[in-house]
Amino acid sequence: MCLQRGLRLVFNYLHLRVRLALWQHRQLPLEYPPLSIVAIALPVASPGAYPFVFGAWMICFAALAYFLLRWKGAPLAGLALMGYLVAGAWATVLERFDIVPAAIVLGAYLALRERRYRTAYLLLAVGTLVKVFPAFLVPLVIIDQYRSTGPTAPMERVGAVAVGIGLYVAVVGGGFALAVLMDPSHALGAFRYALSRPLEVESGPATLLWLTCLFGQPVHGAFAYGAYNLIGGADGWLGALGGVALVAGWAYSAVRFWRGSIDAGRAWIATLCIVLLTGKVFSAQYLIWIAPLIALIEGLDLLWLLIALSTTLVFPILFDHVEVELGGALLVYPWFLLAAIALRNVLLVTATLRELGLIRWERFRTPRMFGAHQAVVTSAR
């Protein structure tokens, strides 16, 4: 009874905060899915202390991920997560809400590992409504569930999977339908916003665009959509190429998992890495998305530490050297900033190939001081 009463109080409090946020802003967030309003609603009633309250709210989710790793993972996997956050996200983890979907994705993977598939579908649905990227993990849950049902009739397998897919679609569809009723002009704004954005300077396609300078193509910076971007003659087709690479890489990761070439954890990490590398936007805080999974699957790993440190080198350290000209209309990026971004992206490509089993990772791995490898229960057969 006390637990039910406490949960009811928490639900009522969050519901009040969401209503207050909607009343003050009169709209849903423009660039995020509708449930992201929960992540930003808690501090709204205290505008004078908003950064402090928001940071405390993010600390709660970081602590949730930490204790999930302690409870379900290796004994020191939680410390590995803290190491990655300090090395690669100390400037962003308390100022962005990316730790929220990251903790939700971790919970979904832990549910998958225990074959609680409906819980995994439900958590991924909630994560999709907070930030879209968990949707890319749903096919991996489908594959794992279909293969784990054993020698049952194919129709029984399909039926079990269909129930999980139906649950996911119902939650996501219901969330967006409710958003349309609440704020029709912004309910689907996250998709329009993403499609209309230029190449953010840290993205994989932007690194390729920078390299076109070697062939005499003009490239320049611009500030738009609240981000630093890279503009050039090839940005349109490179953005389209990134979309093709996303679909191809996503499918390849699923096939590798289906064939048993990689286990579930590494398939999840590889899929999210592909999403990061091929998208038009790759902000520094996006590294938080995969940090809990890396801590669980890889422990404290040298290659991932280099990726985290190079991300911090890019932002906030080197971004201090960006020069603004013409009243902010044109940006001049120093070569060492673009080179550091390229280095980080190359390291991430290397890590992705390693997670896909295309590179022998023993050459890159630190001693197994955190024991995460022994703690992982894989789905590869």
Protein backbone atom coordinates (compact mmCIF):
# COMPACT_ATOMS: atom_id res chain seq x y z
CA MET A 1 0.00 0.00 0.00
CA CYS A 2 2.80 2.43 0.84
CA LEU A 3 4.53 1.63 -2.45
CA GLN A 4 1.32 2.15 -4.42
CA ARG A 5 0.66 5.42 -2.61
CA GLY A 6 4.20 6.61 -3.30
CA LEU A 7 3.99 5.72 -6.98
CA ARG A 8 0.63 7.50 -7.20
CA LEU A 9 2.12 10.63 -5.64
CA VAL A 10 5.06 10.56 -8.08
CA PHE A 11 2.71 10.10 -11.04
CA ASN A 12 0.46 12.95 -9.91
CA TYR A 13 3.47 15.22 -9.36
CA LEU A 14 4.92 14.53 -12.82
CA HIS A 15 1.48 14.92 -14.39
CA LEU A 16 1.16 18.33 -12.74
CA ARG A 17 4.61 19.35 -13.99
CA VAL A 18 3.79 18.32 -17.55
CA ARG A 19 0.54 20.28 -17.48
CA LEU A 20 2.39 23.29 -16.07
CA ALA A 21 5.06 23.06 -18.77
CA LEU A 22 2.45 22.87 -21.52
CA TRP A 23 0.53 25.76 -19.99
CA GLN A 24 3.64 27.95 -19.86
CA HIS A 25 5.09 27.04 -23.26
CA ARG A 26 1.75 26.53 -25.05
CA GLN A 27 3.34 23.90 -27.28
CA LEU A 28 5.23 20.62 -27.39
CA PRO A 29 8.99 20.67 -28.04
CA LEU A 30 9.72 21.48 -31.68
CA GLU A 31 12.69 19.18 -32.28
CA TYR A 32 11.93 16.25 -29.96
CA PRO A 33 9.19 13.59 -29.71
CA PRO A 34 6.25 14.40 -27.42
CA LEU A 35 7.28 12.52 -24.29
CA SER A 36 10.46 14.60 -24.06
CA ILE A 37 8.28 17.18 -22.35
CA VAL A 38 8.49 15.02 -19.21
CA ALA A 39 12.28 15.33 -19.17
CA ILE A 40 12.13 19.12 -19.32
CA ALA A 41 8.95 19.67 -17.30
CA LEU A 42 10.18 19.03 -13.77
CA PRO A 43 12.21 22.25 -13.33
CA VAL A 44 9.68 24.54 -15.07
CA ALA A 45 7.93 25.59 -11.87
CA SER A 46 11.27 26.93 -10.56
CA PRO A 47 12.52 29.13 -13.42
CA GLY A 48 15.08 30.88 -11.26
CA ALA A 49 16.73 27.60 -10.35
CA TYR A 50 16.03 25.79 -13.63
CA PRO A 51 19.65 24.73 -14.42
CA PHE A 52 20.17 23.38 -10.92
CA VAL A 53 16.88 21.47 -10.80
CA PHE A 54 17.31 20.14 -14.34
CA GLY A 55 20.84 18.97 -13.51
CA ALA A 56 19.56 17.22 -10.39
CA TRP A 57 16.86 15.57 -12.52
CA MET A 58 19.53 14.23 -14.90
CA ILE A 59 21.63 13.03 -11.97
CA CYS A 60 18.66 10.89 -10.94
CA PHE A 61 18.65 9.13 -14.31
CA ALA A 62 22.43 8.73 -14.27
CA ALA A 63 22.09 7.16 -10.82
CA LEU A 64 19.33 4.89 -12.15
CA ALA A 65 21.64 3.65 -14.90
CA TYR A 66 24.45 3.22 -12.38
CA PHE A 67 22.38 1.10 -10.02
CA LEU A 68 20.94 -0.96 -12.88
CA LEU A 69 24.49 -1.79 -13.92
CA ARG A 70 25.43 -2.64 -10.33
CA TRP A 71 22.32 -4.77 -9.90
CA LYS A 72 22.19 -6.59 -13.22
CA GLY A 73 25.68 -6.18 -14.63
CA ALA A 74 29.26 -6.61 -13.49
CA PRO A 75 30.20 -5.33 -10.02
CA LEU A 76 32.16 -2.34 -11.37
CA ALA A 77 30.19 -1.70 -14.57
CA GLY A 78 28.56 1.29 -12.88
CA LEU A 79 31.98 2.81 -12.29
CA ALA A 80 32.83 2.21 -15.95
CA LEU A 81 29.73 4.22 -16.88
CA MET A 82 30.81 7.06 -14.62
CA GLY A 83 34.24 6.94 -16.25
CA TYR A 84 32.75 7.30 -19.73
CA LEU A 85 30.48 10.14 -18.64
CA VAL A 86 33.34 12.02 -17.01
CA ALA A 87 35.67 11.43 -19.96
CA GLY A 88 33.21 12.18 -22.74
CA ALA A 89 30.14 13.96 -21.42
CA TRP A 90 31.03 16.01 -18.37
CA ALA A 91 30.00 19.19 -20.20
CA THR A 92 26.68 17.84 -21.48
CA VAL A 93 25.30 15.13 -19.21
CA LEU A 94 23.68 17.61 -16.80
CA GLU A 95 22.64 20.11 -19.49
CA ARG A 96 20.89 17.73 -21.91
CA PHE A 97 18.33 15.03 -21.28
CA ASP A 98 20.08 12.31 -23.33
CA ILE A 99 20.79 10.28 -20.18
CA VAL A 100 17.02 9.72 -19.93
CA PRO A 101 16.62 7.64 -23.14
CA ALA A 102 20.04 6.07 -22.46
CA ALA A 103 18.81 4.71 -19.11
CA ILE A 104 15.59 3.52 -20.75
CA VAL A 105 17.55 1.68 -23.47
CA LEU A 106 19.71 0.05 -20.81
CA GLY A 107 16.58 -1.16 -19.03
CA ALA A 108 15.23 -2.53 -22.32
CA TYR A 109 18.43 -4.46 -22.97
CA LEU A 110 18.46 -5.91 -19.46
CA ALA A 111 14.83 -7.00 -19.95
CA LEU A 112 15.79 -8.60 -23.27
CA ARG A 113 18.64 -10.45 -21.61
CA GLU A 114 16.15 -11.97 -19.17
CA ARG A 115 13.73 -12.71 -22.05
CA ARG A 116 11.12 -10.31 -20.74
CA TYR A 117 10.30 -9.23 -24.24
CA ARG A 118 7.12 -7.30 -23.57
CA THR A 119 8.98 -5.16 -21.07
CA ALA A 120 11.71 -4.58 -23.66
CA TYR A 121 9.16 -3.53 -26.30
CA LEU A 122 7.42 -1.25 -23.82
CA LEU A 123 10.63 0.45 -22.72
CA LEU A 124 11.78 0.95 -26.30
CA ALA A 125 8.39 2.48 -27.09
CA VAL A 126 8.77 4.91 -24.20
CA GLY A 127 12.31 5.66 -25.32
CA THR A 128 11.10 6.35 -28.86
CA LEU A 129 8.63 8.88 -27.52
CA VAL A 130 11.46 10.60 -25.61
CA LYS A 131 14.03 10.51 -28.43
CA VAL A 132 13.58 8.61 -31.67
CA PHE A 133 16.77 6.54 -31.78
CA PRO A 134 15.52 3.55 -29.65
CA ALA A 135 13.20 2.67 -32.55
CA PHE A 136 16.21 1.32 -34.46
CA LEU A 137 16.66 -1.39 -31.80
CA VAL A 138 13.19 -2.93 -32.22
CA PRO A 139 14.20 -5.32 -35.07
CA LEU A 140 16.92 -6.74 -32.83
CA VAL A 141 14.33 -7.50 -30.16
CA ILE A 142 12.13 -9.16 -32.81
CA ILE A 143 15.02 -11.37 -33.95
CA ASP A 144 15.98 -12.31 -30.40
CA GLN A 145 12.41 -13.15 -29.44
CA TYR A 146 11.79 -15.21 -32.58
CA ARG A 147 14.95 -17.24 -32.07
CA SER A 148 14.52 -17.73 -28.33
CA THR A 149 11.15 -19.48 -28.54
CA GLY A 150 12.85 -22.80 -29.29
CA PRO A 151 11.38 -25.60 -31.39
CA THR A 152 7.81 -24.31 -31.28
CA ALA A 153 5.65 -24.03 -34.37
CA PRO A 154 6.53 -21.10 -36.62
CA MET A 155 3.08 -19.60 -36.23
CA GLU A 156 3.44 -19.61 -32.45
CA ARG A 157 6.72 -17.73 -32.79
CA VAL A 158 5.15 -15.23 -35.16
CA GLY A 159 2.20 -14.80 -32.81
CA ALA A 160 4.44 -14.08 -29.82
CA VAL A 161 6.45 -11.56 -31.83
CA ALA A 162 3.27 -9.96 -33.19
CA VAL A 163 2.05 -9.29 -29.65
CA GLY A 164 5.28 -7.47 -28.82
CA ILE A 165 5.22 -5.46 -32.03
CA GLY A 166 1.58 -4.59 -31.40
CA LEU A 167 2.44 -3.34 -27.93
CA TYR A 168 5.25 -1.17 -29.30
CA VAL A 169 3.11 0.26 -32.10
CA ALA A 170 0.19 0.89 -29.75
CA VAL A 171 2.30 2.84 -27.25
CA VAL A 172 4.19 4.87 -29.86
CA GLY A 173 1.11 5.46 -31.98
CA GLY A 174 -0.94 6.40 -28.95
CA GLY A 175 1.74 8.82 -27.77
CA PHE A 176 1.89 10.64 -31.09
CA ALA A 177 -1.90 10.59 -31.46
CA LEU A 178 -2.24 12.24 -28.07
CA ALA A 179 0.41 14.76 -29.11
CA VAL A 180 -1.59 15.60 -32.25
CA LEU A 181 -4.64 16.28 -30.12
CA MET A 182 -2.67 18.46 -27.71
CA ASP A 183 -0.60 20.43 -30.22
CA PRO A 184 -1.21 19.55 -33.90
CA SER A 185 1.39 21.98 -35.26
CA HIS A 186 4.29 20.50 -33.27
CA ALA A 187 3.30 16.87 -32.69
CA LEU A 188 5.38 15.58 -35.63
CA GLY A 189 7.79 18.48 -35.65
CA ALA A 190 10.75 16.31 -34.65
CA PHE A 191 10.71 14.56 -38.03
CA ARG A 192 10.27 17.74 -40.07
CA TYR A 193 12.94 19.43 -38.00
CA ALA A 194 15.45 16.61 -38.56
CA LEU A 195 14.83 16.41 -42.32
CA SER A 196 15.24 20.15 -42.86
CA ARG A 197 18.51 20.53 -40.95
CA PRO A 198 21.87 20.95 -42.70
CA LEU A 199 24.88 18.77 -41.89
CA GLU A 200 25.96 19.40 -38.31
CA VAL A 201 29.74 19.84 -38.25
CA GLU A 202 30.40 16.84 -35.98
CA SER A 203 28.44 14.37 -38.11
CA GLY A 204 29.94 11.66 -40.28
CA PRO A 205 28.62 13.14 -43.55
CA ALA A 206 30.06 16.55 -42.54
CA THR A 207 33.51 14.97 -42.14
CA LEU A 208 33.22 13.60 -45.68
CA LEU A 209 32.08 17.03 -46.86
CA TRP A 210 35.17 18.58 -45.28
CA LEU A 211 37.36 16.13 -47.19
CA THR A 212 35.88 17.35 -50.48
CA CYS A 213 38.01 20.47 -49.93
CA LEU A 214 40.91 18.32 -51.15
CA PHE A 215 39.20 18.25 -54.54
CA GLY A 216 38.62 21.98 -54.70
CA GLN A 217 35.03 22.01 -53.46
CA PRO A 218 34.11 25.16 -51.45
CA VAL A 219 32.98 24.45 -47.90
CA HIS A 220 32.02 26.91 -45.17
CA GLY A 221 30.41 26.94 -41.76
CA ALA A 222 27.04 28.29 -40.70
CA PHE A 223 25.07 28.52 -37.50
CA ALA A 224 21.46 27.36 -37.81
CA TYR A 225 18.93 25.28 -35.87
CA GLY A 226 20.91 26.02 -32.73
CA ALA A 227 24.00 24.17 -33.97
CA TYR A 228 27.25 24.63 -35.87
CA ASN A 229 26.89 23.25 -39.40
CA LEU A 230 28.95 22.66 -42.51
CA ILE A 231 27.70 23.80 -45.91
CA GLY A 232 29.08 22.91 -49.33
CA GLY A 233 28.22 21.88 -52.85
CA ALA A 234 28.08 18.18 -51.94
CA ASP A 235 26.11 18.46 -48.68
CA GLY A 236 22.81 17.42 -50.28
CA TRP A 237 23.96 14.15 -51.77
CA LEU A 238 26.16 13.37 -48.77
CA GLY A 239 23.11 13.74 -46.52
CA ALA A 240 21.21 11.38 -48.80
CA LEU A 241 24.17 8.99 -48.83
CA GLY A 242 24.07 9.01 -45.03
CA GLY A 243 20.44 7.91 -45.16
CA VAL A 244 21.32 5.03 -47.49
CA ALA A 245 24.24 4.05 -45.27
CA LEU A 246 21.94 4.10 -42.24
CA VAL A 247 19.52 1.64 -43.81
CA ALA A 248 22.30 -0.59 -45.16
CA GLY A 249 24.26 -0.61 -41.90
CA TRP A 250 21.13 -1.15 -39.84
CA ALA A 251 20.18 -4.14 -41.99
CA TYR A 252 23.72 -5.53 -41.93
CA SER A 253 23.87 -5.38 -38.14
CA ALA A 254 20.54 -7.22 -37.91
CA VAL A 255 21.74 -9.89 -40.35
CA ARG A 256 24.95 -10.41 -38.39
CA PHE A 257 22.90 -10.87 -35.25
CA TRP A 258 20.41 -13.19 -36.98
CA ARG A 259 23.24 -15.44 -38.16
CA GLY A 260 24.81 -15.54 -34.69
CA SER A 261 28.00 -13.77 -35.79
CA ILE A 262 27.59 -11.27 -32.94
CA ASP A 263 25.65 -11.36 -29.69
CA ALA A 264 22.74 -9.17 -28.71
CA GLY A 265 24.73 -6.61 -26.73
CA ARG A 266 27.22 -5.91 -29.48
CA ALA A 267 24.44 -5.81 -32.07
CA TRP A 268 22.72 -3.10 -29.99
CA ILE A 269 25.94 -1.08 -29.68
CA ALA A 270 26.79 -1.47 -33.37
CA THR A 271 23.30 -0.40 -34.43
CA LEU A 272 23.43 2.75 -32.32
CA CYS A 273 26.93 3.52 -33.60
CA ILE A 274 25.62 3.29 -37.16
CA VAL A 275 22.81 5.68 -36.26
CA LEU A 276 25.36 8.13 -34.83
CA LEU A 277 27.76 7.93 -37.76
CA THR A 278 25.27 8.20 -40.61
CA GLY A 279 22.95 10.89 -39.26
CA LYS A 280 23.00 14.53 -40.32
CA VAL A 281 23.46 15.54 -36.68
CA PHE A 282 25.98 14.17 -34.19
CA SER A 283 26.08 16.40 -31.14
CA ALA A 284 28.57 15.71 -28.37
CA GLN A 285 25.86 14.54 -25.96
CA TYR A 286 24.81 11.72 -28.31
CA LEU A 287 27.70 9.65 -26.97
CA ILE A 288 25.60 9.31 -23.80
CA TRP A 289 23.12 7.13 -25.73
CA ILE A 290 25.51 4.19 -25.84
CA ALA A 291 27.59 4.78 -22.70
CA PRO A 292 25.53 2.48 -20.39
CA LEU A 293 25.58 -0.36 -22.93
CA ILE A 294 29.32 0.02 -23.46
CA ALA A 295 29.90 -0.08 -19.70
CA LEU A 296 27.87 -3.29 -19.48
CA ILE A 297 29.18 -5.08 -22.57
CA GLU A 298 32.77 -3.84 -22.89
CA GLY A 299 33.63 -2.62 -19.40
CA LEU A 300 36.29 0.08 -19.23
CA ASP A 301 37.76 -0.15 -22.71
CA LEU A 302 40.71 1.75 -24.18
CA LEU A 303 39.15 2.39 -27.59
CA TRP A 304 35.91 3.71 -26.12
CA LEU A 305 37.85 5.88 -23.66
CA LEU A 306 39.70 7.42 -26.62
CA ILE A 307 36.36 8.09 -28.32
CA ALA A 308 35.03 9.72 -25.15
CA LEU A 309 38.15 11.85 -24.65
CA SER A 310 38.22 12.95 -28.29
CA THR A 311 34.56 13.94 -28.00
CA THR A 312 35.41 16.17 -25.05
CA LEU A 313 38.38 17.54 -26.97
CA VAL A 314 35.98 18.62 -29.72
CA PHE A 315 33.35 19.97 -27.36
CA PRO A 316 33.75 22.00 -25.29
CA ILE A 317 37.54 22.47 -25.58
CA LEU A 318 38.17 23.15 -29.28
CA PHE A 319 34.80 24.74 -29.95
CA ASP A 320 36.07 27.74 -28.00
CA HIS A 321 38.23 28.54 -31.02
CA VAL A 322 35.36 28.89 -33.50
CA GLU A 323 35.38 32.39 -34.97
CA VAL A 324 32.12 34.10 -35.92
CA GLU A 325 32.13 36.50 -38.86
CA LEU A 326 29.55 38.60 -40.68
CA GLY A 327 27.30 38.90 -37.66
CA GLY A 328 27.11 35.16 -37.10
CA ALA A 329 26.08 34.34 -40.68
CA LEU A 330 29.41 32.74 -41.58
CA LEU A 331 31.63 30.63 -39.36
CA VAL A 332 35.31 29.91 -39.75
CA TYR A 333 36.28 26.53 -38.31
CA PRO A 334 39.95 26.05 -37.48
CA TRP A 335 41.51 23.07 -39.22
CA PHE A 336 42.44 21.40 -35.95
CA LEU A 337 38.78 21.37 -34.85
CA LEU A 338 37.69 19.63 -38.05
CA ALA A 339 40.67 17.27 -37.79
CA ALA A 340 39.74 16.36 -34.21
CA ILE A 341 36.16 15.68 -35.30
CA ALA A 342 37.44 13.48 -38.14
CA LEU A 343 39.69 11.59 -35.72
CA ARG A 344 36.79 10.95 -33.33
CA ASN A 345 34.61 9.72 -36.20
CA VAL A 346 37.36 7.41 -37.47
CA LEU A 347 37.72 5.96 -33.98
CA LEU A 348 33.96 5.44 -33.85
CA VAL A 349 34.01 3.68 -37.23
CA THR A 350 36.75 1.41 -35.85
CA ALA A 351 34.67 0.65 -32.76
CA THR A 352 31.64 -0.07 -34.93
CA LEU A 353 33.58 -2.55 -37.07
CA ARG A 354 34.84 -4.18 -33.89
CA GLU A 355 31.35 -4.54 -32.46
CA LEU A 356 30.22 -6.08 -35.76
CA GLY A 357 32.96 -8.66 -35.44
CA LEU A 358 34.86 -7.41 -38.50
CA ILE A 359 37.94 -6.42 -36.49
CA ARG A 360 39.53 -8.52 -33.76
CA TRP A 361 38.95 -6.40 -30.69
CA GLU A 362 41.59 -8.10 -28.52
CA ARG A 363 44.15 -5.72 -30.04
CA PHE A 364 42.28 -2.69 -28.70
CA ARG A 365 40.97 -3.86 -25.38
CA THR A 366 42.34 -2.91 -21.99
CA PRO A 367 42.76 -5.58 -19.30
CA ARG A 368 39.41 -6.87 -18.13
CA MET A 369 39.61 -5.04 -14.84
CA PHE A 370 35.87 -4.44 -14.69
CA GLY A 371 34.70 -7.96 -15.51
CA ALA A 372 31.89 -6.82 -17.77
CA HIS A 373 32.66 -9.52 -20.35
CA GLN A 374 31.93 -12.37 -17.98
CA ALA A 375 28.69 -10.72 -16.86
CA VAL A 376 27.08 -10.56 -20.31
CA VAL A 377 24.63 -13.26 -21.33
CA THR A 378 24.60 -13.28 -25.10
CA SER A 379 21.90 -14.36 -27.52
CA ALA A 380 24.21 -15.58 -30.29
CA ARG A 381 23.85 -19.25 -31.04
